[in-house]
Amino acid sequence: MQSANAVRIDSHAVATLRYIRASMDAAASVAVPGSAGIAMGSIGVLATILSSTPGLREYWIGVWLMAAAVGGGVGFALMTRPASLRGLSLYGTPLRKFALGLFPALLGGAVMTAVHWSNGNVHAIPGTWLLFYGCALISASVSATRMIALMGASFVALGLAALLTPDRLHMLLLGAGFGGLHVLFGVLIGRKGHERQV
């Protein structure tokens, strides 16, 4: 009898520890709001339209760099807003881990952009941006949801396609990634978050 009770208590303790661990893992993940993806995607769509306009076509790199700066700022603001509303510090939170996951690949993309630009290899820049951004999302997904990893993998696929396709398709692929994928996954993430609340 005693050994049977001990097994029951032991298995109950293991189940409780599993529950606590799962709760801590969930609390340690970043809740990326769908609104951040939709806002960043809208900026990407606008950049696609502007960089495809005949008068601005030759300035496409500047247009996209401006869009990246604005989109990054908007995305950061929308991601940090819930934490600031709750009065939480950003230092030491899962958001910091998410940012650290993004940073190395984004830095690599910036370095490779400079290398391509200085060597006159401009046609490789769109593929490089899509590829490195996808890698950044996959790395950052460790502290977020699986949906971020899927979005990252989609960016990687578009990046590889851009590196293998003619220049005339590059604006379309940039728009499909930084515009379309952001909006699509923003909607999916927002819907999933709404379902959790209901």
N, C-alpha and C. Protein backbone atom coordinates (compact mmCIF):
# COMPACT_ATOMS: atom_id res chain seq x y z
N MET A 1 0.82 -1.19 0.00
CA MET A 1 0.00 0.00 0.00
C MET A 1 0.87 1.26 0.00
N GLN A 2 1.88 1.26 0.84
CA GLN A 2 2.70 2.46 0.94
C GLN A 2 3.43 2.74 -0.37
N SER A 3 3.93 1.66 -0.99
CA SER A 3 4.66 1.87 -2.25
C SER A 3 3.73 2.37 -3.34
N ALA A 4 2.47 1.90 -3.37
CA ALA A 4 1.50 2.38 -4.36
C ALA A 4 1.22 3.86 -4.15
N ASN A 5 1.06 4.27 -2.87
CA ASN A 5 0.82 5.68 -2.56
C ASN A 5 2.03 6.53 -2.95
N ALA A 6 3.22 5.99 -2.69
CA ALA A 6 4.44 6.73 -3.02
C ALA A 6 4.53 6.95 -4.52
N VAL A 7 4.15 5.95 -5.31
CA VAL A 7 4.18 6.09 -6.77
C VAL A 7 3.19 7.15 -7.21
N ARG A 8 1.98 7.13 -6.60
CA ARG A 8 0.97 8.11 -6.96
C ARG A 8 1.43 9.54 -6.64
N ILE A 9 2.00 9.71 -5.45
CA ILE A 9 2.49 11.04 -5.05
C ILE A 9 3.63 11.46 -5.97
N ASP A 10 4.51 10.51 -6.27
CA ASP A 10 5.64 10.79 -7.14
C ASP A 10 5.17 11.23 -8.52
N SER A 11 4.21 10.50 -9.11
CA SER A 11 3.72 10.86 -10.44
C SER A 11 2.96 12.18 -10.41
N HIS A 12 2.28 12.45 -9.30
CA HIS A 12 1.58 13.73 -9.13
C HIS A 12 2.59 14.87 -9.10
N ALA A 13 3.70 14.66 -8.38
CA ALA A 13 4.74 15.69 -8.29
C ALA A 13 5.36 15.94 -9.66
N VAL A 14 5.61 14.87 -10.42
CA VAL A 14 6.19 15.02 -11.77
C VAL A 14 5.24 15.80 -12.67
N ALA A 15 3.94 15.46 -12.59
CA ALA A 15 2.94 16.17 -13.40
C ALA A 15 2.88 17.65 -13.02
N THR A 16 2.97 17.92 -11.72
CA THR A 16 2.96 19.31 -11.25
C THR A 16 4.18 20.06 -11.75
N LEU A 17 5.33 19.41 -11.69
CA LEU A 17 6.56 20.04 -12.18
C LEU A 17 6.49 20.31 -13.68
N ARG A 18 5.89 19.38 -14.43
CA ARG A 18 5.72 19.59 -15.87
C ARG A 18 4.83 20.80 -16.13
N TYR A 19 3.76 20.92 -15.36
CA TYR A 19 2.85 22.05 -15.51
C TYR A 19 3.57 23.37 -15.20
N ILE A 20 4.33 23.38 -14.13
CA ILE A 20 5.07 24.60 -13.75
C ILE A 20 6.08 24.96 -14.84
N ARG A 21 6.77 23.93 -15.35
CA ARG A 21 7.76 24.18 -16.40
C ARG A 21 7.10 24.74 -17.66
N ALA A 22 5.97 24.15 -18.05
CA ALA A 22 5.24 24.63 -19.24
C ALA A 22 4.77 26.06 -19.04
N SER A 23 4.31 26.37 -17.83
CA SER A 23 3.85 27.73 -17.53
C SER A 23 5.00 28.72 -17.61
N MET A 24 6.15 28.32 -17.08
CA MET A 24 7.33 29.21 -17.12
C MET A 24 7.81 29.41 -18.55
N ASP A 25 7.79 28.33 -19.36
CA ASP A 25 8.19 28.46 -20.77
C ASP A 25 7.25 29.40 -21.52
N ALA A 26 5.95 29.29 -21.24
CA ALA A 26 4.98 30.17 -21.90
C ALA A 26 5.19 31.61 -21.48
N ALA A 27 5.49 31.82 -20.20
CA ALA A 27 5.70 33.18 -19.70
C ALA A 27 7.00 33.77 -20.23
N ALA A 28 7.95 32.89 -20.57
CA ALA A 28 9.25 33.36 -21.06
C ALA A 28 9.25 33.65 -22.55
N SER A 29 8.13 33.42 -23.24
CA SER A 29 8.10 33.67 -24.68
C SER A 29 7.52 35.05 -24.97
N VAL A 30 7.95 35.63 -26.07
CA VAL A 30 7.49 36.95 -26.47
C VAL A 30 6.14 36.81 -27.18
N ALA A 31 5.19 37.60 -26.75
CA ALA A 31 3.90 37.64 -27.44
C ALA A 31 3.99 38.72 -28.51
N VAL A 32 4.30 38.31 -29.73
CA VAL A 32 4.42 39.26 -30.84
C VAL A 32 3.01 39.62 -31.29
N PRO A 33 2.65 40.91 -31.21
CA PRO A 33 1.29 41.29 -31.62
C PRO A 33 1.13 41.25 -33.14
N GLY A 34 -0.02 40.77 -33.59
CA GLY A 34 -0.29 40.73 -35.01
C GLY A 34 -0.27 42.10 -35.64
N SER A 35 -0.63 43.12 -34.85
CA SER A 35 -0.64 44.50 -35.36
C SER A 35 0.74 44.95 -35.82
N ALA A 36 1.80 44.44 -35.17
CA ALA A 36 3.17 44.80 -35.58
C ALA A 36 3.45 44.29 -36.98
N GLY A 37 3.07 43.04 -37.26
CA GLY A 37 3.29 42.49 -38.59
C GLY A 37 2.48 43.20 -39.66
N ILE A 38 1.22 43.52 -39.33
CA ILE A 38 0.36 44.21 -40.30
C ILE A 38 0.90 45.60 -40.61
N ALA A 39 1.34 46.33 -39.57
CA ALA A 39 1.88 47.67 -39.77
C ALA A 39 3.17 47.62 -40.60
N MET A 40 4.06 46.69 -40.25
CA MET A 40 5.32 46.57 -40.99
C MET A 40 5.05 46.14 -42.44
N GLY A 41 4.08 45.24 -42.61
CA GLY A 41 3.73 44.80 -43.96
C GLY A 41 3.15 45.92 -44.80
N SER A 42 2.35 46.78 -44.19
CA SER A 42 1.78 47.93 -44.91
C SER A 42 2.89 48.85 -45.39
N ILE A 43 3.90 49.04 -44.56
CA ILE A 43 5.04 49.87 -44.95
C ILE A 43 5.80 49.20 -46.10
N GLY A 44 5.91 47.86 -46.03
CA GLY A 44 6.55 47.11 -47.12
C GLY A 44 5.81 47.22 -48.44
N VAL A 45 4.48 47.17 -48.37
CA VAL A 45 3.66 47.33 -49.58
C VAL A 45 3.87 48.72 -50.18
N LEU A 46 3.89 49.74 -49.31
CA LEU A 46 4.12 51.12 -49.77
C LEU A 46 5.50 51.25 -50.42
N ALA A 47 6.51 50.61 -49.80
CA ALA A 47 7.86 50.66 -50.37
C ALA A 47 7.91 49.98 -51.74
N THR A 48 7.15 48.90 -51.89
CA THR A 48 7.09 48.20 -53.18
C THR A 48 6.50 49.11 -54.25
N ILE A 49 5.42 49.79 -53.91
CA ILE A 49 4.77 50.70 -54.86
C ILE A 49 5.71 51.84 -55.24
N LEU A 50 6.33 52.45 -54.22
CA LEU A 50 7.23 53.59 -54.48
C LEU A 50 8.43 53.17 -55.32
N SER A 51 9.05 52.03 -54.96
CA SER A 51 10.26 51.62 -55.68
C SER A 51 9.96 51.08 -57.08
N SER A 52 8.69 50.82 -57.37
CA SER A 52 8.29 50.38 -58.72
C SER A 52 7.84 51.55 -59.60
N THR A 53 7.70 52.74 -59.00
CA THR A 53 7.31 53.93 -59.74
C THR A 53 8.46 54.36 -60.64
N PRO A 54 8.19 54.64 -61.92
CA PRO A 54 9.28 54.99 -62.85
C PRO A 54 10.23 56.07 -62.34
N GLY A 55 9.72 57.11 -61.72
CA GLY A 55 10.60 58.19 -61.25
C GLY A 55 11.47 57.80 -60.06
N LEU A 56 11.08 56.79 -59.31
CA LEU A 56 11.82 56.39 -58.10
C LEU A 56 12.54 55.05 -58.25
N ARG A 57 12.38 54.41 -59.39
CA ARG A 57 12.92 53.07 -59.57
C ARG A 57 14.43 53.01 -59.32
N GLU A 58 15.15 54.03 -59.78
CA GLU A 58 16.61 54.01 -59.61
C GLU A 58 17.03 54.26 -58.17
N TYR A 59 16.10 54.74 -57.33
CA TYR A 59 16.41 54.99 -55.92
C TYR A 59 15.84 53.91 -55.00
N TRP A 60 15.63 52.71 -55.56
CA TRP A 60 14.94 51.66 -54.81
C TRP A 60 15.66 51.29 -53.51
N ILE A 61 16.98 51.32 -53.50
CA ILE A 61 17.71 50.95 -52.28
C ILE A 61 17.40 51.96 -51.17
N GLY A 62 17.41 53.24 -51.50
CA GLY A 62 17.08 54.27 -50.51
C GLY A 62 15.66 54.14 -50.00
N VAL A 63 14.73 53.85 -50.91
CA VAL A 63 13.33 53.68 -50.52
C VAL A 63 13.20 52.53 -49.54
N TRP A 64 13.84 51.40 -49.84
CA TRP A 64 13.72 50.23 -48.98
C TRP A 64 14.45 50.40 -47.65
N LEU A 65 15.58 51.11 -47.67
CA LEU A 65 16.29 51.38 -46.41
C LEU A 65 15.45 52.28 -45.50
N MET A 66 14.80 53.27 -46.10
CA MET A 66 13.90 54.14 -45.34
C MET A 66 12.73 53.33 -44.77
N ALA A 67 12.17 52.45 -45.61
CA ALA A 67 11.06 51.60 -45.17
C ALA A 67 11.50 50.69 -44.03
N ALA A 68 12.74 50.17 -44.10
CA ALA A 68 13.25 49.29 -43.04
C ALA A 68 13.37 50.05 -41.73
N ALA A 69 13.86 51.29 -41.80
CA ALA A 69 14.01 52.09 -40.58
C ALA A 69 12.65 52.42 -39.97
N VAL A 70 11.70 52.86 -40.80
CA VAL A 70 10.36 53.20 -40.31
C VAL A 70 9.64 51.95 -39.81
N GLY A 71 9.69 50.87 -40.60
CA GLY A 71 9.04 49.62 -40.22
C GLY A 71 9.61 49.04 -38.94
N GLY A 72 10.93 49.08 -38.81
CA GLY A 72 11.57 48.59 -37.58
C GLY A 72 11.14 49.40 -36.37
N GLY A 73 11.08 50.72 -36.53
CA GLY A 73 10.65 51.58 -35.42
C GLY A 73 9.21 51.33 -35.02
N VAL A 74 8.34 51.20 -36.02
CA VAL A 74 6.92 50.94 -35.74
C VAL A 74 6.74 49.57 -35.09
N GLY A 75 7.44 48.56 -35.63
CA GLY A 75 7.35 47.21 -35.07
C GLY A 75 7.84 47.17 -33.62
N PHE A 76 8.95 47.85 -33.35
CA PHE A 76 9.49 47.90 -31.99
C PHE A 76 8.51 48.58 -31.04
N ALA A 77 7.94 49.69 -31.49
CA ALA A 77 6.98 50.42 -30.65
C ALA A 77 5.75 49.57 -30.32
N LEU A 78 5.25 48.85 -31.32
CA LEU A 78 4.06 48.01 -31.09
C LEU A 78 4.36 46.79 -30.23
N MET A 79 5.59 46.29 -30.32
CA MET A 79 5.96 45.13 -29.49
C MET A 79 6.22 45.53 -28.04
N THR A 80 6.77 46.70 -27.83
CA THR A 80 7.12 47.12 -26.47
C THR A 80 5.96 47.80 -25.75
N ARG A 81 4.93 48.20 -26.48
CA ARG A 81 3.80 48.90 -25.87
C ARG A 81 3.12 48.10 -24.76
N PRO A 82 2.80 46.81 -24.97
CA PRO A 82 2.17 46.06 -23.88
C PRO A 82 3.02 46.01 -22.61
N ALA A 83 4.36 45.88 -22.77
CA ALA A 83 5.24 45.84 -21.61
C ALA A 83 5.23 47.18 -20.88
N SER A 84 5.27 48.28 -21.62
CA SER A 84 5.28 49.60 -20.97
C SER A 84 3.95 49.90 -20.30
N LEU A 85 2.84 49.40 -20.89
CA LEU A 85 1.53 49.60 -20.25
C LEU A 85 1.43 48.87 -18.92
N ARG A 86 2.13 47.73 -18.81
CA ARG A 86 2.12 46.98 -17.55
C ARG A 86 3.20 47.47 -16.60
N GLY A 87 4.01 48.45 -17.04
CA GLY A 87 5.06 48.99 -16.18
C GLY A 87 6.26 48.07 -16.05
N LEU A 88 6.48 47.18 -17.04
CA LEU A 88 7.60 46.26 -16.99
C LEU A 88 8.82 46.86 -17.66
N SER A 89 9.98 46.52 -17.14
CA SER A 89 11.23 46.95 -17.76
C SER A 89 11.54 46.05 -18.95
N LEU A 90 12.10 46.62 -20.01
CA LEU A 90 12.44 45.81 -21.18
C LEU A 90 13.72 45.03 -20.96
N TYR A 91 14.60 45.52 -20.06
CA TYR A 91 15.85 44.83 -19.80
C TYR A 91 15.58 43.55 -19.02
N GLY A 92 16.10 42.43 -19.49
CA GLY A 92 15.94 41.16 -18.79
C GLY A 92 14.64 40.46 -19.10
N THR A 93 13.82 41.01 -19.98
CA THR A 93 12.55 40.37 -20.34
C THR A 93 12.76 39.51 -21.58
N PRO A 94 11.75 38.67 -21.91
CA PRO A 94 11.85 37.87 -23.14
C PRO A 94 12.04 38.73 -24.39
N LEU A 95 11.55 39.97 -24.36
CA LEU A 95 11.71 40.86 -25.51
C LEU A 95 13.19 41.13 -25.80
N ARG A 96 13.97 41.21 -24.74
CA ARG A 96 15.41 41.41 -24.90
C ARG A 96 16.04 40.20 -25.59
N LYS A 97 15.61 38.99 -25.19
CA LYS A 97 16.11 37.77 -25.83
C LYS A 97 15.69 37.72 -27.30
N PHE A 98 14.47 38.16 -27.58
CA PHE A 98 13.98 38.20 -28.95
C PHE A 98 14.86 39.13 -29.79
N ALA A 99 15.16 40.31 -29.25
CA ALA A 99 16.00 41.28 -29.96
C ALA A 99 17.41 40.73 -30.18
N LEU A 100 17.95 40.05 -29.16
CA LEU A 100 19.29 39.47 -29.29
C LEU A 100 19.30 38.34 -30.32
N GLY A 101 18.18 37.64 -30.48
CA GLY A 101 18.07 36.63 -31.52
C GLY A 101 18.07 37.24 -32.92
N LEU A 102 17.43 38.40 -33.04
CA LEU A 102 17.36 39.09 -34.34
C LEU A 102 18.70 39.71 -34.74
N PHE A 103 19.40 40.29 -33.78
CA PHE A 103 20.52 41.18 -34.06
C PHE A 103 21.65 40.58 -34.91
N PRO A 104 22.20 39.38 -34.59
CA PRO A 104 23.36 38.91 -35.37
C PRO A 104 23.08 38.77 -36.86
N ALA A 105 21.95 38.18 -37.22
CA ALA A 105 21.64 38.01 -38.65
C ALA A 105 21.36 39.35 -39.32
N LEU A 106 20.70 40.27 -38.61
CA LEU A 106 20.46 41.60 -39.19
C LEU A 106 21.77 42.33 -39.42
N LEU A 107 22.70 42.20 -38.47
CA LEU A 107 24.02 42.81 -38.63
C LEU A 107 24.74 42.18 -39.82
N GLY A 108 24.65 40.86 -39.94
CA GLY A 108 25.25 40.17 -41.09
C GLY A 108 24.67 40.66 -42.40
N GLY A 109 23.35 40.86 -42.44
CA GLY A 109 22.70 41.38 -43.64
C GLY A 109 23.18 42.78 -43.99
N ALA A 110 23.36 43.62 -42.96
CA ALA A 110 23.85 44.99 -43.19
C ALA A 110 25.28 44.97 -43.74
N VAL A 111 26.12 44.10 -43.17
CA VAL A 111 27.51 43.99 -43.64
C VAL A 111 27.55 43.50 -45.09
N MET A 112 26.76 42.47 -45.39
CA MET A 112 26.75 41.95 -46.76
C MET A 112 26.17 42.96 -47.76
N THR A 113 25.22 43.77 -47.30
CA THR A 113 24.69 44.84 -48.16
C THR A 113 25.80 45.80 -48.54
N ALA A 114 26.60 46.21 -47.54
CA ALA A 114 27.72 47.12 -47.80
C ALA A 114 28.73 46.49 -48.74
N VAL A 115 29.00 45.20 -48.56
CA VAL A 115 29.96 44.49 -49.43
C VAL A 115 29.43 44.43 -50.86
N HIS A 116 28.16 44.07 -51.02
CA HIS A 116 27.57 44.01 -52.37
C HIS A 116 27.60 45.39 -53.03
N TRP A 117 27.24 46.42 -52.26
CA TRP A 117 27.20 47.78 -52.80
C TRP A 117 28.59 48.23 -53.26
N SER A 118 29.59 48.00 -52.41
CA SER A 118 30.94 48.47 -52.75
C SER A 118 31.55 47.69 -53.92
N ASN A 119 31.10 46.45 -54.14
CA ASN A 119 31.61 45.65 -55.25
C ASN A 119 30.74 45.72 -56.50
N GLY A 120 29.72 46.58 -56.48
CA GLY A 120 28.84 46.71 -57.63
C GLY A 120 27.95 45.51 -57.87
N ASN A 121 27.73 44.73 -56.82
CA ASN A 121 26.92 43.52 -56.91
C ASN A 121 25.50 43.81 -56.40
N VAL A 122 24.90 44.88 -56.90
CA VAL A 122 23.63 45.39 -56.38
C VAL A 122 22.49 44.38 -56.59
N HIS A 123 22.56 43.59 -57.65
CA HIS A 123 21.47 42.65 -57.92
C HIS A 123 21.33 41.58 -56.83
N ALA A 124 22.37 41.38 -55.99
CA ALA A 124 22.29 40.38 -54.92
C ALA A 124 21.70 40.94 -53.63
N ILE A 125 21.46 42.25 -53.56
CA ILE A 125 21.00 42.87 -52.31
C ILE A 125 19.59 42.41 -51.91
N PRO A 126 18.59 42.40 -52.80
CA PRO A 126 17.26 41.95 -52.36
C PRO A 126 17.25 40.54 -51.78
N GLY A 127 17.95 39.61 -52.44
CA GLY A 127 18.03 38.25 -51.93
C GLY A 127 18.72 38.18 -50.58
N THR A 128 19.77 38.99 -50.43
CA THR A 128 20.50 39.05 -49.16
C THR A 128 19.59 39.55 -48.04
N TRP A 129 18.83 40.61 -48.30
CA TRP A 129 17.92 41.14 -47.28
C TRP A 129 16.89 40.10 -46.85
N LEU A 130 16.25 39.47 -47.83
CA LEU A 130 15.21 38.48 -47.52
C LEU A 130 15.81 37.29 -46.77
N LEU A 131 16.96 36.81 -47.23
CA LEU A 131 17.60 35.65 -46.63
C LEU A 131 18.02 35.91 -45.18
N PHE A 132 18.72 37.02 -44.96
CA PHE A 132 19.21 37.31 -43.61
C PHE A 132 18.07 37.67 -42.66
N TYR A 133 17.05 38.35 -43.16
CA TYR A 133 15.90 38.66 -42.30
C TYR A 133 15.19 37.36 -41.89
N GLY A 134 15.06 36.44 -42.83
CA GLY A 134 14.47 35.14 -42.51
C GLY A 134 15.28 34.41 -41.45
N CYS A 135 16.61 34.42 -41.59
CA CYS A 135 17.47 33.79 -40.59
C CYS A 135 17.32 34.46 -39.23
N ALA A 136 17.19 35.79 -39.23
CA ALA A 136 17.01 36.53 -37.97
C ALA A 136 15.71 36.11 -37.29
N LEU A 137 14.63 35.97 -38.06
CA LEU A 137 13.35 35.56 -37.49
C LEU A 137 13.41 34.14 -36.93
N ILE A 138 14.07 33.24 -37.65
CA ILE A 138 14.21 31.87 -37.16
C ILE A 138 14.96 31.85 -35.84
N SER A 139 16.05 32.62 -35.74
CA SER A 139 16.82 32.69 -34.49
C SER A 139 15.99 33.28 -33.36
N ALA A 140 15.26 34.35 -33.66
CA ALA A 140 14.47 35.03 -32.63
C ALA A 140 13.26 34.20 -32.19
N SER A 141 12.84 33.27 -33.04
CA SER A 141 11.65 32.47 -32.71
C SER A 141 11.88 31.56 -31.50
N VAL A 142 13.13 31.39 -31.10
CA VAL A 142 13.43 30.58 -29.91
C VAL A 142 12.73 31.17 -28.69
N SER A 143 12.60 32.50 -28.65
CA SER A 143 11.92 33.13 -27.51
C SER A 143 10.54 33.64 -27.89
N ALA A 144 10.01 33.16 -29.02
CA ALA A 144 8.67 33.57 -29.45
C ALA A 144 7.86 32.33 -29.81
N THR A 145 6.99 32.46 -30.78
CA THR A 145 6.13 31.34 -31.17
C THR A 145 6.67 30.64 -32.41
N ARG A 146 6.14 29.46 -32.67
CA ARG A 146 6.52 28.70 -33.86
C ARG A 146 6.14 29.45 -35.14
N MET A 147 5.10 30.29 -35.04
CA MET A 147 4.64 31.05 -36.20
C MET A 147 5.75 31.98 -36.72
N ILE A 148 6.56 32.52 -35.82
CA ILE A 148 7.68 33.39 -36.22
C ILE A 148 8.71 32.58 -37.00
N ALA A 149 8.96 31.34 -36.57
CA ALA A 149 9.90 30.47 -37.28
C ALA A 149 9.39 30.15 -38.68
N LEU A 150 8.08 29.91 -38.81
CA LEU A 150 7.50 29.63 -40.13
C LEU A 150 7.61 30.85 -41.04
N MET A 151 7.40 32.03 -40.47
CA MET A 151 7.55 33.25 -41.26
C MET A 151 9.01 33.40 -41.69
N GLY A 152 9.94 33.12 -40.79
CA GLY A 152 11.36 33.19 -41.12
C GLY A 152 11.74 32.24 -42.25
N ALA A 153 11.21 31.02 -42.19
CA ALA A 153 11.49 30.03 -43.24
C ALA A 153 10.94 30.51 -44.59
N SER A 154 9.79 31.17 -44.56
CA SER A 154 9.20 31.71 -45.79
C SER A 154 10.08 32.81 -46.37
N PHE A 155 10.63 33.66 -45.50
CA PHE A 155 11.56 34.71 -45.96
C PHE A 155 12.82 34.10 -46.56
N VAL A 156 13.34 33.05 -45.92
CA VAL A 156 14.53 32.37 -46.46
C VAL A 156 14.26 31.84 -47.86
N ALA A 157 13.09 31.22 -48.05
CA ALA A 157 12.73 30.69 -49.37
C ALA A 157 12.65 31.81 -50.41
N LEU A 158 12.05 32.94 -50.04
CA LEU A 158 11.99 34.09 -50.97
C LEU A 158 13.38 34.64 -51.26
N GLY A 159 14.23 34.66 -50.24
CA GLY A 159 15.60 35.14 -50.43
C GLY A 159 16.37 34.28 -51.41
N LEU A 160 16.25 32.97 -51.26
CA LEU A 160 16.91 32.06 -52.20
C LEU A 160 16.37 32.26 -53.61
N ALA A 161 15.05 32.44 -53.72
CA ALA A 161 14.44 32.68 -55.03
C ALA A 161 14.98 33.97 -55.64
N ALA A 162 15.10 35.02 -54.82
CA ALA A 162 15.59 36.31 -55.33
C ALA A 162 17.04 36.22 -55.80
N LEU A 163 17.82 35.38 -55.15
CA LEU A 163 19.22 35.22 -55.56
C LEU A 163 19.34 34.46 -56.88
N LEU A 164 18.28 33.73 -57.24
CA LEU A 164 18.32 32.90 -58.45
C LEU A 164 17.49 33.44 -59.62
N THR A 165 16.76 34.54 -59.37
CA THR A 165 15.87 35.06 -60.41
C THR A 165 16.41 36.36 -61.01
N PRO A 166 15.90 36.75 -62.19
CA PRO A 166 16.35 38.00 -62.82
C PRO A 166 15.98 39.24 -62.00
N ASP A 167 16.71 40.31 -62.23
CA ASP A 167 16.52 41.56 -61.49
C ASP A 167 15.09 42.10 -61.58
N ARG A 168 14.43 41.89 -62.70
CA ARG A 168 13.09 42.47 -62.89
C ARG A 168 12.07 41.93 -61.88
N LEU A 169 12.37 40.78 -61.27
CA LEU A 169 11.44 40.19 -60.29
C LEU A 169 11.76 40.57 -58.85
N HIS A 170 12.87 41.26 -58.63
CA HIS A 170 13.32 41.53 -57.27
C HIS A 170 12.37 42.41 -56.46
N MET A 171 11.81 43.45 -57.08
CA MET A 171 10.87 44.32 -56.33
C MET A 171 9.62 43.54 -55.93
N LEU A 172 9.19 42.66 -56.82
CA LEU A 172 8.02 41.83 -56.54
C LEU A 172 8.30 40.90 -55.36
N LEU A 173 9.50 40.30 -55.33
CA LEU A 173 9.86 39.40 -54.23
C LEU A 173 10.05 40.15 -52.92
N LEU A 174 10.64 41.34 -52.98
CA LEU A 174 10.75 42.17 -51.77
C LEU A 174 9.37 42.51 -51.23
N GLY A 175 8.47 42.89 -52.14
CA GLY A 175 7.10 43.21 -51.73
C GLY A 175 6.37 42.01 -51.17
N ALA A 176 6.59 40.83 -51.80
CA ALA A 176 5.94 39.61 -51.31
C ALA A 176 6.43 39.26 -49.91
N GLY A 177 7.71 39.54 -49.63
CA GLY A 177 8.26 39.23 -48.31
C GLY A 177 7.91 40.29 -47.28
N PHE A 178 8.51 41.46 -47.45
CA PHE A 178 8.37 42.51 -46.43
C PHE A 178 6.98 43.12 -46.40
N GLY A 179 6.23 42.96 -47.48
CA GLY A 179 4.84 43.41 -47.49
C GLY A 179 3.89 42.27 -47.19
N GLY A 180 3.82 41.31 -48.13
CA GLY A 180 2.84 40.23 -48.05
C GLY A 180 2.99 39.31 -46.86
N LEU A 181 4.21 38.80 -46.63
CA LEU A 181 4.40 37.86 -45.51
C LEU A 181 4.14 38.52 -44.16
N HIS A 182 4.58 39.77 -44.02
CA HIS A 182 4.31 40.47 -42.75
C HIS A 182 2.82 40.61 -42.49
N VAL A 183 2.08 41.02 -43.51
CA VAL A 183 0.63 41.19 -43.35
C VAL A 183 -0.04 39.84 -43.08
N LEU A 184 0.31 38.82 -43.89
CA LEU A 184 -0.29 37.49 -43.74
C LEU A 184 -0.06 36.93 -42.34
N PHE A 185 1.19 36.92 -41.91
CA PHE A 185 1.49 36.35 -40.58
C PHE A 185 0.98 37.26 -39.46
N GLY A 186 0.92 38.56 -39.72
CA GLY A 186 0.33 39.46 -38.72
C GLY A 186 -1.13 39.13 -38.48
N VAL A 187 -1.86 38.86 -39.57
CA VAL A 187 -3.28 38.48 -39.46
C VAL A 187 -3.40 37.13 -38.74
N LEU A 188 -2.57 36.15 -39.12
CA LEU A 188 -2.62 34.82 -38.50
C LEU A 188 -2.29 34.89 -37.01
N ILE A 189 -1.26 35.65 -36.66
CA ILE A 189 -0.87 35.79 -35.25
C ILE A 189 -1.96 36.51 -34.47
N GLY A 190 -2.52 37.58 -35.08
CA GLY A 190 -3.60 38.31 -34.41
C GLY A 190 -4.82 37.44 -34.18
N ARG A 191 -5.16 36.61 -35.17
CA ARG A 191 -6.32 35.72 -35.03
C ARG A 191 -6.07 34.67 -33.95
N LYS A 192 -4.84 34.14 -33.91
CA LYS A 192 -4.51 33.14 -32.89
C LYS A 192 -4.56 33.75 -31.49
N GLY A 193 -4.06 34.98 -31.36
CA GLY A 193 -4.11 35.67 -30.08
C GLY A 193 -5.53 35.95 -29.64
N HIS A 194 -6.41 36.29 -30.60
CA HIS A 194 -7.83 36.55 -30.30
C HIS A 194 -8.51 35.26 -29.84
N GLU A 195 -8.16 34.14 -30.49
CA GLU A 195 -8.76 32.85 -30.10
C GLU A 195 -8.37 32.48 -28.68
N ARG A 196 -7.10 32.80 -28.29
CA ARG A 196 -6.65 32.48 -26.95
C ARG A 196 -7.42 33.27 -25.89
N GLN A 197 -7.77 34.52 -26.24
CA GLN A 197 -8.48 35.37 -25.28
C GLN A 197 -9.93 34.95 -25.10
N VAL A 198 -10.52 34.38 -26.17
CA VAL A 198 -11.94 34.02 -26.11
C VAL A 198 -12.18 32.79 -25.25
